[in-house]
Amino acid sequence: MFLHIGGNVVIPAKNIIAIFDIDNTTVSKDTRDFLKIAEEEGFVEAISPDLPKSFIITEVDKKSKIYLSPISSTTLLKRSLYVKNMSKKKKIFD
């Protein structure tokens, strides 16, 4: 299953490591430093010109990528739970 994270970007749900609220987590200097270093090393992709509300850490083939999303972490959580429930229902009907 896939998760729409904003703009025209969808990612496989199985690749998601974590979803964070940007306002709550960037209070910490460690998180700000982490995002700064990730951006300098080319791991960060802003998917919209809008201000980011969340960031999503993913991994594909042992390579990390961080998406800055204009969608709140709460909304992304709800979407991911919906995707997870749809996946369970699909298994019942297969």
PDB file of N, CA and C in Angstrom:
ATOM      1  N   MET A   1       0.830  -1.180   0.000  1.00  0.00           N
ATOM      2  CA  MET A   1       0.000   0.000   0.000  1.00  0.00           C
ATOM      3  C   MET A   1       0.880   1.249   0.000  1.00  0.00           C
ATOM      4  N   PHE A   2       0.278   2.330  -0.439  1.00  0.00           N
ATOM      5  CA  PHE A   2       0.989   3.591  -0.561  1.00  0.00           C
ATOM      6  C   PHE A   2       0.344   4.657   0.310  1.00  0.00           C
ATOM      7  N   LEU A   3       1.153   5.647   0.695  1.00  0.00           N
ATOM      8  CA  LEU A   3       0.673   6.760   1.502  1.00  0.00           C
ATOM      9  C   LEU A   3       0.928   8.055   0.743  1.00  0.00           C
ATOM     10  N   HIS A   4      -0.128   8.849   0.536  1.00  0.00           N
ATOM     11  CA  HIS A   4       0.010  10.159  -0.108  1.00  0.00           C
ATOM     12  C   HIS A   4       0.491  11.138   0.955  1.00  0.00           C
ATOM     13  N   ILE A   5       1.649  11.761   0.709  1.00  0.00           N
ATOM     14  CA  ILE A   5       2.243  12.642   1.730  1.00  0.00           C
ATOM     15  C   ILE A   5       2.209  14.116   1.329  1.00  0.00           C
ATOM     16  N   GLY A   6       1.506  14.421   0.257  1.00  0.00           N
ATOM     17  CA  GLY A   6       1.379  15.809  -0.171  1.00  0.00           C
ATOM     18  C   GLY A   6       1.909  16.006  -1.571  1.00  0.00           C
ATOM     19  N   GLY A   7       1.520  17.135  -2.170  1.00  0.00           N
ATOM     20  CA  GLY A   7       1.942  17.399  -3.540  1.00  0.00           C
ATOM     21  C   GLY A   7       1.497  16.264  -4.423  1.00  0.00           C
ATOM     22  N   ASN A   8       2.369  15.793  -5.255  1.00  0.00           N
ATOM     23  CA  ASN A   8       2.086  14.640  -6.108  1.00  0.00           C
ATOM     24  C   ASN A   8       2.915  13.439  -5.676  1.00  0.00           C
ATOM     25  N   VAL A   9       3.195  13.348  -4.379  1.00  0.00           N
ATOM     26  CA  VAL A   9       4.106  12.312  -3.881  1.00  0.00           C
ATOM     27  C   VAL A   9       3.353  11.251  -3.083  1.00  0.00           C
ATOM     28  N   VAL A  10       3.544  10.017  -3.488  1.00  0.00           N
ATOM     29  CA  VAL A  10       3.063   8.869  -2.713  1.00  0.00           C
ATOM     30  C   VAL A  10       4.269   7.961  -2.482  1.00  0.00           C
ATOM     31  N   ILE A  11       4.314   7.360  -1.309  1.00  0.00           N
ATOM     32  CA  ILE A  11       5.431   6.474  -0.995  1.00  0.00           C
ATOM     33  C   ILE A  11       4.882   5.154  -0.468  1.00  0.00           C
ATOM     34  N   PRO A  12       5.608   4.071  -0.705  1.00  0.00           N
ATOM     35  CA  PRO A  12       5.170   2.791  -0.146  1.00  0.00           C
ATOM     36  C   PRO A  12       5.167   2.851   1.379  1.00  0.00           C
ATOM     37  N   ALA A  13       4.081   2.437   1.992  1.00  0.00           N
ATOM     38  CA  ALA A  13       3.958   2.474   3.450  1.00  0.00           C
ATOM     39  C   ALA A  13       5.045   1.629   4.115  1.00  0.00           C
ATOM     40  N   LYS A  14       5.470   0.563   3.466  1.00  0.00           N
ATOM     41  CA  LYS A  14       6.490  -0.314   4.051  1.00  0.00           C
ATOM     42  C   LYS A  14       7.851   0.367   4.169  1.00  0.00           C
ATOM     43  N   ASN A  15       8.068   1.466   3.436  1.00  0.00           N
ATOM     44  CA  ASN A  15       9.354   2.173   3.469  1.00  0.00           C
ATOM     45  C   ASN A  15       9.419   3.240   4.556  1.00  0.00           C
ATOM     46  N   ILE A  16       8.302   3.517   5.215  1.00  0.00           N
ATOM     47  CA  ILE A  16       8.267   4.580   6.214  1.00  0.00           C
ATOM     48  C   ILE A  16       8.857   4.088   7.526  1.00  0.00           C
ATOM     49  N   ILE A  17       9.820   4.845   8.029  1.00  0.00           N
ATOM     50  CA  ILE A  17      10.422   4.551   9.321  1.00  0.00           C
ATOM     51  C   ILE A  17       9.718   5.345  10.409  1.00  0.00           C
ATOM     52  N   ALA A  18       9.483   6.641  10.141  1.00  0.00           N
ATOM     53  CA  ALA A  18       8.856   7.500  11.154  1.00  0.00           C
ATOM     54  C   ALA A  18       8.245   8.733  10.507  1.00  0.00           C
ATOM     55  N   ILE A  19       7.225   9.267  11.177  1.00  0.00           N
ATOM     56  CA  ILE A  19       6.591  10.519  10.784  1.00  0.00           C
ATOM     57  C   ILE A  19       6.631  11.435  12.007  1.00  0.00           C
ATOM     58  N   PHE A  20       7.148  12.659  11.807  1.00  0.00           N
ATOM     59  CA  PHE A  20       7.309  13.593  12.922  1.00  0.00           C
ATOM     60  C   PHE A  20       6.609  14.913  12.648  1.00  0.00           C
ATOM     61  N   ASP A  21       6.063  15.510  13.687  1.00  0.00           N
ATOM     62  CA  ASP A  21       5.535  16.861  13.628  1.00  0.00           C
ATOM     63  C   ASP A  21       6.724  17.814  13.659  1.00  0.00           C
ATOM     64  N   ILE A  22       6.800  18.678  12.682  1.00  0.00           N
ATOM     65  CA  ILE A  22       7.987  19.527  12.570  1.00  0.00           C
ATOM     66  C   ILE A  22       8.074  20.571  13.674  1.00  0.00           C
ATOM     67  N   ASP A  23       6.933  21.126  14.099  1.00  0.00           N
ATOM     68  CA  ASP A  23       6.961  22.151  15.145  1.00  0.00           C
ATOM     69  C   ASP A  23       7.396  21.580  16.494  1.00  0.00           C
ATOM     70  N   ASN A  24       6.871  20.424  16.847  1.00  0.00           N
ATOM     71  CA  ASN A  24       7.194  19.825  18.147  1.00  0.00           C
ATOM     72  C   ASN A  24       8.613  19.271  18.214  1.00  0.00           C
ATOM     73  N   THR A  25       9.086  18.703  17.123  1.00  0.00           N
ATOM     74  CA  THR A  25      10.397  18.045  17.173  1.00  0.00           C
ATOM     75  C   THR A  25      11.559  18.995  16.950  1.00  0.00           C
ATOM     76  N   THR A  26      11.343  20.092  16.229  1.00  0.00           N
ATOM     77  CA  THR A  26      12.463  21.001  15.971  1.00  0.00           C
ATOM     78  C   THR A  26      12.748  21.940  17.137  1.00  0.00           C
ATOM     79  N   VAL A  27      12.028  21.768  18.227  1.00  0.00           N
ATOM     80  CA  VAL A  27      12.363  22.477  19.462  1.00  0.00           C
ATOM     81  C   VAL A  27      13.731  21.989  19.947  1.00  0.00           C
ATOM     82  N   SER A  28      13.997  20.722  19.707  1.00  0.00           N
ATOM     83  CA  SER A  28      15.265  20.120  20.114  1.00  0.00           C
ATOM     84  C   SER A  28      16.385  20.502  19.149  1.00  0.00           C
ATOM     85  N   LYS A  29      17.504  20.921  19.707  1.00  0.00           N
ATOM     86  CA  LYS A  29      18.677  21.254  18.895  1.00  0.00           C
ATOM     87  C   LYS A  29      19.171  20.026  18.139  1.00  0.00           C
ATOM     88  N   ASP A  30      19.083  18.861  18.756  1.00  0.00           N
ATOM     89  CA  ASP A  30      19.535  17.628  18.106  1.00  0.00           C
ATOM     90  C   ASP A  30      18.748  17.368  16.824  1.00  0.00           C
ATOM     91  N   THR A  31      17.445  17.571  16.870  1.00  0.00           N
ATOM     92  CA  THR A  31      16.620  17.355  15.679  1.00  0.00           C
ATOM     93  C   THR A  31      16.949  18.373  14.601  1.00  0.00           C
ATOM     94  N   ARG A  32      17.116  19.629  15.001  1.00  0.00           N
ATOM     95  CA  ARG A  32      17.484  20.662  14.027  1.00  0.00           C
ATOM     96  C   ARG A  32      18.820  20.329  13.374  1.00  0.00           C
ATOM     97  N   ASP A  33      19.790  19.885  14.172  1.00  0.00           N
ATOM     98  CA  ASP A  33      21.102  19.503  13.635  1.00  0.00           C
ATOM     99  C   ASP A  33      20.972  18.306  12.689  1.00  0.00           C
ATOM    100  N   PHE A  34      20.157  17.324  13.081  1.00  0.00           N
ATOM    101  CA  PHE A  34      19.927  16.143  12.240  1.00  0.00           C
ATOM    102  C   PHE A  34      19.378  16.550  10.876  1.00  0.00           C
ATOM    103  N   LEU A  35      18.348  17.409  10.867  1.00  0.00           N
ATOM    104  CA  LEU A  35      17.744  17.837   9.601  1.00  0.00           C
ATOM    105  C   LEU A  35      18.713  18.682   8.770  1.00  0.00           C
ATOM    106  N   LYS A  36      19.498  19.504   9.435  1.00  0.00           N
ATOM    107  CA  LYS A  36      20.469  20.340   8.728  1.00  0.00           C
ATOM    108  C   LYS A  36      21.520  19.472   8.034  1.00  0.00           C
ATOM    109  N   ILE A  37      22.055  18.510   8.757  1.00  0.00           N
ATOM    110  CA  ILE A  37      23.070  17.615   8.186  1.00  0.00           C
ATOM    111  C   ILE A  37      22.465  16.779   7.053  1.00  0.00           C
ATOM    112  N   ALA A  38      21.251  16.268   7.262  1.00  0.00           N
ATOM    113  CA  ALA A  38      20.585  15.475   6.221  1.00  0.00           C
ATOM    114  C   ALA A  38      20.375  16.305   4.962  1.00  0.00           C
ATOM    115  N   GLU A  39      20.011  17.568   5.135  1.00  0.00           N
ATOM    116  CA  GLU A  39      19.814  18.443   3.976  1.00  0.00           C
ATOM    117  C   GLU A  39      21.140  18.707   3.262  1.00  0.00           C
ATOM    118  N   GLU A  40      22.196  18.968   4.022  1.00  0.00           N
ATOM    119  CA  GLU A  40      23.514  19.207   3.432  1.00  0.00           C
ATOM    120  C   GLU A  40      24.006  17.993   2.646  1.00  0.00           C
ATOM    121  N   GLU A  41      23.641  16.800   3.105  1.00  0.00           N
ATOM    122  CA  GLU A  41      24.085  15.573   2.439  1.00  0.00           C
ATOM    123  C   GLU A  41      23.125  15.113   1.346  1.00  0.00           C
ATOM    124  N   GLY A  42      22.069  15.878   1.103  1.00  0.00           N
ATOM    125  CA  GLY A  42      21.165  15.577  -0.006  1.00  0.00           C
ATOM    126  C   GLY A  42      20.092  14.555   0.275  1.00  0.00           C
ATOM    127  N   PHE A  43      19.788  14.306   1.542  1.00  0.00           N
ATOM    128  CA  PHE A  43      18.775  13.319   1.896  1.00  0.00           C
ATOM    129  C   PHE A  43      17.374  13.910   2.045  1.00  0.00           C
ATOM    130  N   VAL A  44      17.258  15.243   1.989  1.00  0.00           N
ATOM    131  CA  VAL A  44      15.981  15.903   2.249  1.00  0.00           C
ATOM    132  C   VAL A  44      15.349  16.361   0.943  1.00  0.00           C
ATOM    133  N   GLU A  45      14.041  16.090   0.834  1.00  0.00           N
ATOM    134  CA  GLU A  45      13.283  16.551  -0.330  1.00  0.00           C
ATOM    135  C   GLU A  45      12.037  17.282   0.149  1.00  0.00           C
ATOM    136  N   ALA A  46      11.940  18.557  -0.212  1.00  0.00           N
ATOM    137  CA  ALA A  46      10.737  19.335   0.080  1.00  0.00           C
ATOM    138  C   ALA A  46       9.756  19.046  -1.056  1.00  0.00           C
ATOM    139  N   ILE A  47       8.571  18.562  -0.718  1.00  0.00           N
ATOM    140  CA  ILE A  47       7.637  18.151  -1.767  1.00  0.00           C
ATOM    141  C   ILE A  47       6.631  19.224  -2.131  1.00  0.00           C
ATOM    142  N   SER A  48       6.752  20.380  -1.479  1.00  0.00           N
ATOM    143  CA  SER A  48       5.821  21.470  -1.731  1.00  0.00           C
ATOM    144  C   SER A  48       6.499  22.790  -1.365  1.00  0.00           C
ATOM    145  N   PRO A  49       6.126  23.868  -2.053  1.00  0.00           N
ATOM    146  CA  PRO A  49       6.681  25.167  -1.672  1.00  0.00           C
ATOM    147  C   PRO A  49       6.071  25.704  -0.364  1.00  0.00           C
ATOM    148  N   ASP A  50       4.986  25.074   0.098  1.00  0.00           N
ATOM    149  CA  ASP A  50       4.347  25.479   1.354  1.00  0.00           C
ATOM    150  C   ASP A  50       5.252  25.134   2.539  1.00  0.00           C
ATOM    151  N   LEU A  51       5.011  25.812   3.663  1.00  0.00           N
ATOM    152  CA  LEU A  51       5.764  25.497   4.873  1.00  0.00           C
ATOM    153  C   LEU A  51       5.500  24.055   5.288  1.00  0.00           C
ATOM    154  N   PRO A  52       6.552  23.313   5.633  1.00  0.00           N
ATOM    155  CA  PRO A  52       6.338  21.932   6.063  1.00  0.00           C
ATOM    156  C   PRO A  52       5.707  21.861   7.451  1.00  0.00           C
ATOM    157  N   LYS A  53       4.804  20.898   7.613  1.00  0.00           N
ATOM    158  CA  LYS A  53       4.188  20.644   8.908  1.00  0.00           C
ATOM    159  C   LYS A  53       4.724  19.357   9.522  1.00  0.00           C
ATOM    160  N   SER A  54       5.315  18.516   8.677  1.00  0.00           N
ATOM    161  CA  SER A  54       5.840  17.244   9.165  1.00  0.00           C
ATOM    162  C   SER A  54       7.030  16.832   8.310  1.00  0.00           C
ATOM    163  N   PHE A  55       7.780  15.862   8.827  1.00  0.00           N
ATOM    164  CA  PHE A  55       8.799  15.237   7.996  1.00  0.00           C
ATOM    165  C   PHE A  55       8.711  13.735   8.171  1.00  0.00           C
ATOM    166  N   ILE A  56       8.971  13.047   7.070  1.00  0.00           N
ATOM    167  CA  ILE A  56       8.816  11.595   7.006  1.00  0.00           C
ATOM    168  C   ILE A  56      10.183  10.999   6.680  1.00  0.00           C
ATOM    169  N   ILE A  57      10.639  10.109   7.526  1.00  0.00           N
ATOM    170  CA  ILE A  57      11.909   9.425   7.284  1.00  0.00           C
ATOM    171  C   ILE A  57      11.590   8.081   6.640  1.00  0.00           C
ATOM    172  N   THR A  58      12.215   7.841   5.487  1.00  0.00           N
ATOM    173  CA  THR A  58      11.997   6.590   4.768  1.00  0.00           C
ATOM    174  C   THR A  58      13.335   5.920   4.472  1.00  0.00           C
ATOM    175  N   GLU A  59      13.243   4.653   4.101  1.00  0.00           N
ATOM    176  CA  GLU A  59      14.440   3.920   3.690  1.00  0.00           C
ATOM    177  C   GLU A  59      14.075   2.976   2.556  1.00  0.00           C
ATOM    178  N   VAL A  60      14.863   3.046   1.483  1.00  0.00           N
ATOM    179  CA  VAL A  60      14.703   2.153   0.339  1.00  0.00           C
ATOM    180  C   VAL A  60      16.085   1.638  -0.039  1.00  0.00           C
ATOM    181  N   ASP A  61      16.216   0.346  -0.117  1.00  0.00           N
ATOM    182  CA  ASP A  61      17.504  -0.273  -0.457  1.00  0.00           C
ATOM    183  C   ASP A  61      18.639   0.263   0.413  1.00  0.00           C
ATOM    184  N   LYS A  62      18.369   0.365   1.703  1.00  0.00           N
ATOM    185  CA  LYS A  62      19.347   0.816   2.698  1.00  0.00           C
ATOM    186  C   LYS A  62      19.806   2.257   2.482  1.00  0.00           C
ATOM    187  N   LYS A  63      18.991   3.051   1.769  1.00  0.00           N
ATOM    188  CA  LYS A  63      19.270   4.472   1.569  1.00  0.00           C
ATOM    189  C   LYS A  63      18.141   5.278   2.187  1.00  0.00           C
ATOM    190  N   SER A  64      18.513   6.219   3.036  1.00  0.00           N
ATOM    191  CA  SER A  64      17.517   7.041   3.727  1.00  0.00           C
ATOM    192  C   SER A  64      17.127   8.245   2.893  1.00  0.00           C
ATOM    193  N   LYS A  65      15.878   8.664   3.061  1.00  0.00           N
ATOM    194  CA  LYS A  65      15.379   9.874   2.433  1.00  0.00           C
ATOM    195  C   LYS A  65      14.383  10.503   3.393  1.00  0.00           C
ATOM    196  N   ILE A  66      14.435  11.824   3.494  1.00  0.00           N
ATOM    197  CA  ILE A  66      13.530  12.551   4.376  1.00  0.00           C
ATOM    198  C   ILE A  66      12.682  13.483   3.515  1.00  0.00           C
ATOM    199  N   TYR A  67      11.374  13.350   3.643  1.00  0.00           N
ATOM    200  CA  TYR A  67      10.444  14.207   2.913  1.00  0.00           C
ATOM    201  C   TYR A  67       9.885  15.256   3.862  1.00  0.00           C
ATOM    202  N   LEU A  68       9.873  16.523   3.418  1.00  0.00           N
ATOM    203  CA  LEU A  68       9.218  17.592   4.159  1.00  0.00           C
ATOM    204  C   LEU A  68       7.833  17.752   3.561  1.00  0.00           C
ATOM    205  N   SER A  69       6.811  17.537   4.383  1.00  0.00           N
ATOM    206  CA  SER A  69       5.432  17.512   3.895  1.00  0.00           C
ATOM    207  C   SER A  69       4.611  18.668   4.449  1.00  0.00           C
ATOM    208  N   PRO A  70       3.717  19.231   3.621  1.00  0.00           N
ATOM    209  CA  PRO A  70       2.816  20.274   4.100  1.00  0.00           C
ATOM    210  C   PRO A  70       1.617  19.713   4.859  1.00  0.00           C
ATOM    211  N   ILE A  71       1.552  18.395   4.971  1.00  0.00           N
ATOM    212  CA  ILE A  71       0.446  17.723   5.660  1.00  0.00           C
ATOM    213  C   ILE A  71       0.873  17.406   7.093  1.00  0.00           C
ATOM    214  N   SER A  72      -0.032  17.627   8.031  1.00  0.00           N
ATOM    215  CA  SER A  72       0.298  17.412   9.442  1.00  0.00           C
ATOM    216  C   SER A  72       0.565  15.937   9.731  1.00  0.00           C
ATOM    217  N   SER A  73       1.362  15.712  10.755  1.00  0.00           N
ATOM    218  CA  SER A  73       1.672  14.335  11.158  1.00  0.00           C
ATOM    219  C   SER A  73       0.407  13.598  11.601  1.00  0.00           C
ATOM    220  N   THR A  74      -0.544  14.310  12.192  1.00  0.00           N
ATOM    221  CA  THR A  74      -1.806  13.696  12.617  1.00  0.00           C
ATOM    222  C   THR A  74      -2.587  13.183  11.416  1.00  0.00           C
ATOM    223  N   THR A  75      -2.674  13.992  10.380  1.00  0.00           N
ATOM    224  CA  THR A  75      -3.379  13.572   9.169  1.00  0.00           C
ATOM    225  C   THR A  75      -2.672  12.400   8.508  1.00  0.00           C
ATOM    226  N   LEU A  76      -1.344  12.457   8.464  1.00  0.00           N
ATOM    227  CA  LEU A  76      -0.592  11.346   7.870  1.00  0.00           C
ATOM    228  C   LEU A  76      -0.779  10.067   8.677  1.00  0.00           C
ATOM    229  N   LEU A  77      -0.843  10.185   9.992  1.00  0.00           N
ATOM    230  CA  LEU A  77      -1.109   9.021  10.836  1.00  0.00           C
ATOM    231  C   LEU A  77      -2.475   8.423  10.508  1.00  0.00           C
ATOM    232  N   LYS A  78      -3.494   9.277  10.412  1.00  0.00           N
ATOM    233  CA  LYS A  78      -4.838   8.795  10.073  1.00  0.00           C
ATOM    234  C   LYS A  78      -4.835   8.093   8.720  1.00  0.00           C
ATOM    235  N   ARG A  79      -4.146   8.676   7.755  1.00  0.00           N
ATOM    236  CA  ARG A  79      -4.064   8.050   6.435  1.00  0.00           C
ATOM    237  C   ARG A  79      -3.363   6.706   6.507  1.00  0.00           C
ATOM    238  N   SER A  80      -2.278   6.642   7.280  1.00  0.00           N
ATOM    239  CA  SER A  80      -1.538   5.380   7.370  1.00  0.00           C
ATOM    240  C   SER A  80      -2.365   4.302   8.059  1.00  0.00           C
ATOM    241  N   LEU A  81      -3.141   4.687   9.059  1.00  0.00           N
ATOM    242  CA  LEU A  81      -4.020   3.711   9.719  1.00  0.00           C
ATOM    243  C   LEU A  81      -5.104   3.239   8.772  1.00  0.00           C
ATOM    244  N   TYR A  82      -5.612   4.137   7.951  1.00  0.00           N
ATOM    245  CA  TYR A  82      -6.618   3.764   6.956  1.00  0.00           C
ATOM    246  C   TYR A  82      -6.010   2.766   5.967  1.00  0.00           C
ATOM    247  N   VAL A  83      -4.794   3.055   5.500  1.00  0.00           N
ATOM    248  CA  VAL A  83      -4.103   2.156   4.570  1.00  0.00           C
ATOM    249  C   VAL A  83      -3.891   0.797   5.226  1.00  0.00           C
ATOM    250  N   LYS A  84      -3.487   0.804   6.490  1.00  0.00           N
ATOM    251  CA  LYS A  84      -3.251  -0.449   7.207  1.00  0.00           C
ATOM    252  C   LYS A  84      -4.546  -1.252   7.332  1.00  0.00           C
ATOM    253  N   ASN A  85      -5.642  -0.583   7.665  1.00  0.00           N
ATOM    254  CA  ASN A  85      -6.929  -1.272   7.782  1.00  0.00           C
ATOM    255  C   ASN A  85      -7.390  -1.809   6.442  1.00  0.00           C
ATOM    256  N   MET A  86      -7.153  -1.062   5.375  1.00  0.00           N
ATOM    257  CA  MET A  86      -7.528  -1.534   4.037  1.00  0.00           C
ATOM    258  C   MET A  86      -6.729  -2.782   3.680  1.00  0.00           C
ATOM    259  N   SER A  87      -5.480  -2.805   4.072  1.00  0.00           N
ATOM    260  CA  SER A  87      -4.629  -3.944   3.802  1.00  0.00           C
ATOM    261  C   SER A  87      -5.151  -5.190   4.517  1.00  0.00           C
ATOM    262  N   LYS A  88      -5.597  -5.024   5.764  1.00  0.00           N
ATOM    263  CA  LYS A  88      -6.150  -6.141   6.541  1.00  0.00           C
ATOM    264  C   LYS A  88      -7.431  -6.643   5.891  1.00  0.00           C
ATOM    265  N   LYS A  89      -8.292  -5.726   5.459  1.00  0.00           N
ATOM    266  CA  LYS A  89      -9.549  -6.131   4.823  1.00  0.00           C
ATOM    267  C   LYS A  89      -9.281  -6.874   3.525  1.00  0.00           C
ATOM    268  N   LYS A  90      -8.279  -6.445   2.771  1.00  0.00           N
ATOM    269  CA  LYS A  90      -7.934  -7.100   1.516  1.00  0.00           C
ATOM    270  C   LYS A  90      -7.539  -8.549   1.787  1.00  0.00           C
ATOM    271  N   LYS A  91      -6.768  -8.788   2.859  1.00  0.00           N
ATOM    272  CA  LYS A  91      -6.323 -10.140   3.180  1.00  0.00           C
ATOM    273  C   LYS A  91      -7.525 -11.031   3.538  1.00  0.00           C
ATOM    274  N   ILE A  92      -8.544 -10.458   4.167  1.00  0.00           N
ATOM    275  CA  ILE A  92      -9.730 -11.220   4.523  1.00  0.00           C
ATOM    276  C   ILE A  92     -10.466 -11.689   3.275  1.00  0.00           C
ATOM    277  N   PHE A  93     -10.533 -10.804   2.269  1.00  0.00           N
ATOM    278  CA  PHE A  93     -11.291 -11.122   1.055  1.00  0.00           C
ATOM    279  C   PHE A  93     -10.509 -11.907   0.038  1.00  0.00           C
ATOM    280  N   ASP A  94      -9.207 -12.022   0.191  1.00  0.00           N
ATOM    281  CA  ASP A  94      -8.393 -12.777  -0.782  1.00  0.00           C
ATOM    282  C   ASP A  94      -8.542 -14.270  -0.598  1.00  0.00           C
TER     283      ASP A  94
END
